[in-house]
N, C-alpha and C. Protein backbone atom coordinates (compact mmCIF):
# COMPACT_ATOMS: atom_id res chain seq x y z
N UNK A 1 152.43 25.64 179.79
CA UNK A 1 151.38 25.41 178.80
C UNK A 1 150.46 24.31 179.31
N UNK A 2 149.18 24.56 179.29
CA UNK A 2 148.22 23.57 179.76
C UNK A 2 147.85 22.61 178.64
N UNK A 3 147.48 21.42 179.06
CA UNK A 3 147.05 20.42 178.09
C UNK A 3 145.55 20.56 177.85
N UNK A 4 145.17 20.43 176.61
CA UNK A 4 143.75 20.45 176.24
C UNK A 4 143.54 19.32 175.25
N UNK A 5 142.49 18.57 175.44
CA UNK A 5 142.27 17.48 174.49
C UNK A 5 141.54 18.01 173.25
N UNK A 6 141.63 17.23 172.20
CA UNK A 6 141.09 17.67 170.92
C UNK A 6 139.59 17.93 170.98
N UNK A 7 138.88 17.05 171.66
CA UNK A 7 137.42 17.20 171.72
C UNK A 7 137.04 18.54 172.35
N UNK A 8 137.71 18.90 173.44
CA UNK A 8 137.43 20.18 174.09
C UNK A 8 137.79 21.35 173.17
N UNK A 9 138.93 21.23 172.51
CA UNK A 9 139.37 22.28 171.58
C UNK A 9 138.36 22.45 170.45
N UNK A 10 137.95 21.33 169.87
CA UNK A 10 136.98 21.38 168.77
C UNK A 10 135.66 22.00 169.23
N UNK A 11 135.19 21.59 170.38
CA UNK A 11 133.93 22.15 170.89
C UNK A 11 134.03 23.66 171.09
N UNK A 12 135.18 24.12 171.52
CA UNK A 12 135.39 25.56 171.68
C UNK A 12 135.37 26.26 170.32
N UNK A 13 136.05 25.68 169.34
CA UNK A 13 136.10 26.26 168.00
C UNK A 13 134.72 26.28 167.34
N UNK A 14 133.91 25.26 167.61
CA UNK A 14 132.58 25.16 167.00
C UNK A 14 131.62 26.25 167.49
N UNK A 15 132.01 26.99 168.50
CA UNK A 15 131.19 28.12 168.95
C UNK A 15 131.24 29.28 167.96
N UNK A 16 132.26 29.28 167.12
CA UNK A 16 132.41 30.31 166.08
C UNK A 16 131.56 29.88 164.88
N UNK A 17 130.53 30.65 164.51
CA UNK A 17 129.64 30.26 163.41
C UNK A 17 130.35 30.00 162.09
N UNK A 18 131.35 30.80 161.76
CA UNK A 18 132.07 30.60 160.49
C UNK A 18 132.85 29.30 160.52
N UNK A 19 133.50 29.02 161.64
CA UNK A 19 134.25 27.77 161.78
C UNK A 19 133.29 26.59 161.71
N UNK A 20 132.17 26.70 162.42
CA UNK A 20 131.19 25.61 162.45
C UNK A 20 130.68 25.29 161.04
N UNK A 21 130.37 26.33 160.29
CA UNK A 21 129.86 26.12 158.93
C UNK A 21 130.91 25.41 158.07
N UNK A 22 132.15 25.86 158.12
CA UNK A 22 133.21 25.24 157.32
C UNK A 22 133.48 23.81 157.79
N UNK A 23 133.46 23.59 159.09
CA UNK A 23 133.66 22.25 159.64
C UNK A 23 132.56 21.31 159.14
N UNK A 24 131.32 21.77 159.16
CA UNK A 24 130.21 20.95 158.68
C UNK A 24 130.32 20.67 157.19
N UNK A 25 130.76 21.66 156.40
CA UNK A 25 130.96 21.44 154.96
C UNK A 25 132.02 20.38 154.72
N UNK A 26 133.13 20.48 155.43
CA UNK A 26 134.22 19.52 155.26
C UNK A 26 133.80 18.13 155.73
N UNK A 27 133.04 18.06 156.80
CA UNK A 27 132.55 16.77 157.30
C UNK A 27 131.64 16.12 156.27
N UNK A 28 130.78 16.91 155.65
CA UNK A 28 129.88 16.38 154.61
C UNK A 28 130.68 15.84 153.43
N UNK A 29 131.71 16.58 153.00
CA UNK A 29 132.54 16.11 151.88
C UNK A 29 133.23 14.80 152.24
N UNK A 30 133.76 14.70 153.46
CA UNK A 30 134.45 13.49 153.87
C UNK A 30 133.49 12.31 153.93
N UNK A 31 132.32 12.52 154.51
CA UNK A 31 131.32 11.45 154.59
C UNK A 31 130.88 11.01 153.20
N UNK A 32 130.74 11.95 152.28
CA UNK A 32 130.37 11.62 150.90
C UNK A 32 131.47 10.81 150.22
N UNK A 33 132.70 11.20 150.44
CA UNK A 33 133.84 10.48 149.85
C UNK A 33 133.89 9.05 150.36
N UNK A 34 133.70 8.88 151.66
CA UNK A 34 133.71 7.54 152.25
C UNK A 34 132.57 6.71 151.69
N UNK A 35 131.38 7.29 151.59
CA UNK A 35 130.22 6.56 151.08
C UNK A 35 130.41 6.16 149.62
N UNK A 36 130.93 7.08 148.80
CA UNK A 36 131.16 6.77 147.39
C UNK A 36 132.15 5.62 147.25
N UNK A 37 133.25 5.69 147.99
CA UNK A 37 134.26 4.64 147.92
C UNK A 37 133.68 3.30 148.35
N UNK A 38 132.91 3.30 149.43
CA UNK A 38 132.31 2.06 149.93
C UNK A 38 131.36 1.44 148.90
N UNK A 39 130.47 2.24 148.37
CA UNK A 39 129.50 1.73 147.39
C UNK A 39 130.20 1.26 146.12
N UNK A 40 131.20 2.01 145.68
CA UNK A 40 131.93 1.61 144.47
C UNK A 40 132.60 0.26 144.67
N UNK A 41 133.27 0.09 145.80
CA UNK A 41 133.97 -1.18 146.07
C UNK A 41 132.99 -2.32 146.26
N UNK A 42 131.88 -2.07 146.98
CA UNK A 42 130.87 -3.11 147.17
C UNK A 42 130.24 -3.53 145.85
N UNK A 43 130.22 -2.62 144.89
CA UNK A 43 129.66 -2.92 143.57
C UNK A 43 130.67 -3.60 142.66
N UNK A 44 131.90 -3.72 143.14
CA UNK A 44 132.94 -4.37 142.35
C UNK A 44 133.45 -3.50 141.21
N UNK A 45 133.28 -2.20 141.33
CA UNK A 45 133.71 -1.29 140.26
C UNK A 45 135.06 -0.67 140.58
N UNK A 46 135.86 -0.51 139.56
CA UNK A 46 137.09 0.27 139.70
C UNK A 46 136.71 1.74 139.54
N UNK A 47 137.64 2.60 139.86
CA UNK A 47 137.39 4.03 139.64
C UNK A 47 137.13 4.28 138.16
N UNK A 48 137.86 3.60 137.31
CA UNK A 48 137.67 3.78 135.87
C UNK A 48 136.27 3.34 135.44
N UNK A 49 135.81 2.19 135.97
CA UNK A 49 134.46 1.71 135.65
C UNK A 49 133.40 2.72 136.07
N UNK A 50 133.53 3.22 137.29
CA UNK A 50 132.57 4.20 137.79
C UNK A 50 132.61 5.48 136.97
N UNK A 51 133.79 5.89 136.60
CA UNK A 51 133.94 7.09 135.77
C UNK A 51 133.22 6.91 134.44
N UNK A 52 133.35 5.74 133.86
CA UNK A 52 132.72 5.47 132.57
C UNK A 52 131.20 5.54 132.67
N UNK A 53 130.63 4.87 133.67
CA UNK A 53 129.17 4.86 133.79
C UNK A 53 128.63 6.21 134.29
N UNK A 54 129.48 6.99 134.95
CA UNK A 54 129.08 8.30 135.46
C UNK A 54 129.35 9.43 134.48
N UNK A 55 130.09 9.12 133.43
CA UNK A 55 130.47 10.10 132.41
C UNK A 55 131.27 11.27 133.01
N UNK A 56 132.20 10.92 133.90
CA UNK A 56 133.15 11.90 134.44
C UNK A 56 134.54 11.29 134.35
N UNK A 57 135.57 12.10 134.33
CA UNK A 57 136.93 11.55 134.26
C UNK A 57 137.27 10.72 135.52
N UNK A 58 138.10 9.70 135.34
CA UNK A 58 138.54 8.89 136.47
C UNK A 58 139.24 9.75 137.50
N UNK A 59 139.95 10.77 137.05
CA UNK A 59 140.65 11.65 137.98
C UNK A 59 139.67 12.38 138.91
N UNK A 60 138.47 12.64 138.43
CA UNK A 60 137.45 13.27 139.27
C UNK A 60 137.00 12.31 140.37
N UNK A 61 136.80 11.05 140.00
CA UNK A 61 136.43 10.04 141.00
C UNK A 61 137.53 9.95 142.06
N UNK A 62 138.78 9.92 141.63
CA UNK A 62 139.91 9.83 142.56
C UNK A 62 139.94 11.03 143.50
N UNK A 63 139.71 12.22 142.95
CA UNK A 63 139.73 13.43 143.80
C UNK A 63 138.58 13.41 144.80
N UNK A 64 137.40 12.98 144.36
CA UNK A 64 136.26 12.90 145.28
C UNK A 64 136.57 11.92 146.40
N UNK A 65 137.08 10.75 146.04
CA UNK A 65 137.36 9.73 147.04
C UNK A 65 138.46 10.14 148.00
N UNK A 66 139.35 11.01 147.57
CA UNK A 66 140.43 11.46 148.45
C UNK A 66 140.00 12.65 149.31
N UNK A 67 138.79 13.15 149.06
CA UNK A 67 138.28 14.27 149.83
C UNK A 67 138.75 15.62 149.34
N UNK A 68 139.34 15.65 148.16
CA UNK A 68 139.82 16.92 147.60
C UNK A 68 138.64 17.77 147.15
N UNK A 69 138.86 19.07 147.09
CA UNK A 69 137.83 19.97 146.55
C UNK A 69 137.62 19.64 145.09
N UNK A 70 136.41 19.29 144.74
CA UNK A 70 136.12 18.87 143.38
C UNK A 70 134.76 19.39 142.96
N UNK A 71 134.71 19.92 141.76
CA UNK A 71 133.41 20.25 141.19
C UNK A 71 133.14 19.24 140.10
N UNK A 72 131.89 18.88 139.95
CA UNK A 72 131.51 17.91 138.93
C UNK A 72 130.80 18.67 137.83
N UNK A 73 131.43 18.73 136.67
CA UNK A 73 130.86 19.47 135.54
C UNK A 73 130.23 18.52 134.56
């Protein structure tokens, strides 16, 4: 079995349009989760505080920050 590094493997997989689209979607969700968490913490807000001012359940904030699939209703 030959060794292949992750970067090479990923670049090969990204040649598949369906994989690339899903990878980009997941990357966007992760970047959004990181940004939300950073801004919330820099603002001195707890998840509960943010949920209150955003009018969404705290559990939704937690799911977004963890990168879980979440819809905001």
